[in-house]
C-alpha atoms as a PDB file:
ATOM      1  CA  MET A   1     -30.782-155.547  31.871  1.00  0.00           C
ATOM      2  CA  VAL A   2     -27.024-155.289  31.458  1.00  0.00           C
ATOM      3  CA  THR A   3     -24.878-152.303  32.295  1.00  0.00           C
ATOM      4  CA  ILE A   4     -22.064-151.433  29.925  1.00  0.00           C
ATOM      5  CA  TYR A   5     -19.362-148.732  30.318  1.00  0.00           C
ATOM      6  CA  VAL A   6     -18.321-146.806  27.305  1.00  0.00           C
ATOM      7  CA  LYS A   7     -15.153-144.712  27.302  1.00  0.00           C
ATOM      8  CA  ASN A   8     -14.206-142.206  24.635  1.00  0.00           C
ATOM      9  CA  ASP A   9     -10.485-142.651  24.037  1.00  0.00           C
ATOM     10  CA  GLY A  10     -10.545-140.311  21.042  1.00  0.00           C
ATOM     11  CA  ASP A  11      -9.814-136.612  20.660  1.00  0.00           C
ATOM     12  CA  THR A  12     -13.367-135.438  19.800  1.00  0.00           C
ATOM     13  CA  GLY A  13     -16.850-136.030  21.216  1.00  0.00           C
ATOM     14  CA  VAL A  14     -18.817-138.971  19.858  1.00  0.00           C
ATOM     15  CA  VAL A  15     -22.474-139.820  19.630  1.00  0.00           C
ATOM     16  CA  LEU A  16     -23.474-143.470  19.823  1.00  0.00           C
ATOM     17  CA  SER A  17     -25.980-145.499  17.777  1.00  0.00           C
ATOM     18  CA  LEU A  18     -27.331-148.963  18.606  1.00  0.00           C
ATOM     19  CA  GLU A  19     -28.183-151.608  15.895  1.00  0.00           C
ATOM     20  CA  THR A  20     -28.829-155.300  15.913  1.00  0.00           C
ATOM     21  CA  ASP A  21     -28.355-157.920  13.134  1.00  0.00           C
ATOM     22  CA  GLY A  22     -27.800-161.645  12.611  1.00  0.00           C
ATOM     23  CA  TRP A  23     -30.980-162.687  14.370  1.00  0.00           C
ATOM     24  CA  ASP A  24     -31.254-166.527  14.642  1.00  0.00           C
ATOM     25  CA  PRO A  25     -33.975-167.512  14.237  1.00  0.00           C
ATOM     26  CA  THR A  26     -34.685-164.555  12.015  1.00  0.00           C
ATOM     27  CA  ASP A  27     -38.277-164.101  13.284  1.00  0.00           C
ATOM     28  CA  ALA A  28     -37.023-163.641  16.867  1.00  0.00           C
ATOM     29  CA  SER A  29     -36.611-159.878  16.091  1.00  0.00           C
ATOM     30  CA  ASP A  30     -40.377-159.737  15.570  1.00  0.00           C
ATOM     31  CA  TYR A  31     -40.897-160.541  19.206  1.00  0.00           C
ATOM     32  CA  MET A  32     -37.909-158.936  20.941  1.00  0.00           C
ATOM     33  CA  ASP A  33     -36.843-155.343  21.404  1.00  0.00           C
ATOM     34  CA  LEU A  34     -33.384-154.170  22.522  1.00  0.00           C
ATOM     35  CA  VAL A  35     -33.355-150.663  24.062  1.00  0.00           C
ATOM     36  CA  TRP A  36     -30.933-148.601  26.070  1.00  0.00           C
ATOM     37  CA  ASN A  37     -31.111-145.547  28.282  1.00  0.00           C
ATOM     38  CA  TYR A  38     -28.417-143.573  26.364  1.00  0.00           C
ATOM     39  CA  ASP A  39     -29.762-140.055  25.778  1.00  0.00           C
ATOM     40  CA  GLY A  40     -27.929-139.270  22.533  1.00  0.00           C
ATOM     41  CA  THR A  41     -25.641-136.643  23.960  1.00  0.00           C
ATOM     42  CA  SER A  42     -21.999-136.406  22.963  1.00  0.00           C
ATOM     43  CA  ILE A  43     -19.507-138.389  25.004  1.00  0.00           C
ATOM     44  CA  LEU A  44     -16.521-136.157  25.483  1.00  0.00           C
ATOM     45  CA  PRO A  45     -12.826-137.271  25.122  1.00  0.00           C
ATOM     46  CA  GLY A  46     -11.818-139.188  28.293  1.00  0.00           C
ATOM     47  CA  GLN A  47     -15.389-139.443  29.531  1.00  0.00           C
ATOM     48  CA  VAL A  48     -16.906-142.745  30.611  1.00  0.00           C
ATOM     49  CA  ARG A  49     -20.696-143.214  30.260  1.00  0.00           C
ATOM     50  CA  THR A  50     -22.702-145.867  32.034  1.00  0.00           C
ATOM     51  CA  ILE A  51     -25.471-147.267  29.828  1.00  0.00           C
ATOM     52  CA  ASN A  52     -28.158-149.809  30.611  1.00  0.00           C
ATOM     53  CA  VAL A  53     -29.190-152.097  27.844  1.00  0.00           C
ATOM     54  CA  THR A  54     -32.402-154.144  28.116  1.00  0.00           C
ATOM     55  CA  LEU A  55     -33.973-156.896  26.013  1.00  0.00           C
ATOM     56  CA  SER A  56     -37.754-157.072  26.127  1.00  0.00           C
ATOM     57  CA  VAL A  57     -39.664-160.161  24.961  1.00  0.00           C
ATOM     58  CA  SER A  58     -43.230-159.929  23.817  1.00  0.00           C
ATOM     59  CA  GLU A  59     -45.776-162.083  25.605  1.00  0.00           C
ATOM     60  CA  ASP A  60     -46.755-163.309  22.108  1.00  0.00           C
ATOM     61  CA  CYS A  61     -43.335-164.779  21.504  1.00  0.00           C
ATOM     62  CA  PRO A  62     -43.598-168.375  20.436  1.00  0.00           C
ATOM     63  CA  ALA A  63     -41.505-170.968  22.301  1.00  0.00           C
ATOM     64  CA  MET A  64     -37.919-171.094  21.182  1.00  0.00           C
ATOM     65  CA  SER A  65     -35.175-173.497  22.232  1.00  0.00           C
ATOM     66  CA  GLY A  66     -32.705-170.651  21.926  1.00  0.00           C
ATOM     67  CA  PHE A  67     -31.866-167.500  19.980  1.00  0.00           C
ATOM     68  CA  ASN A  68     -28.915-165.218  19.265  1.00  0.00           C
ATOM     69  CA  PHE A  69     -28.115-161.918  17.607  1.00  0.00           C
ATOM     70  CA  ASN A  70     -25.396-159.330  17.350  1.00  0.00           C
ATOM     71  CA  ILE A  71     -25.433-155.982  19.239  1.00  0.00           C
ATOM     72  CA  ILE A  72     -23.635-153.236  17.301  1.00  0.00           C
ATOM     73  CA  ILE A  73     -22.767-149.890  18.957  1.00  0.00           C
ATOM     74  CA  ILE A  74     -21.238-147.326  16.671  1.00  0.00           C
ATOM     75  CA  GLY A  75     -19.579-144.081  17.735  1.00  0.00           C
ATOM     76  CA  SER A  76     -19.519-141.240  15.221  1.00  0.00           C
END
């Protein structure tokens, strides 16, 4: 688990979405799941939200010498 802090520096509330891409190896995404505890409520201007992001790995995951991927958080 990693804790991130998101601050809304804008003038209106924003709602966040979480995506991943660029998995290497590509099949790593079949065995891993990235989740967060963000509840989907609007983050108001000037507000800071503490969010925990957790990567879970399936017990069925084959041995890998390493992996990487991109985490994309979008505010809209």
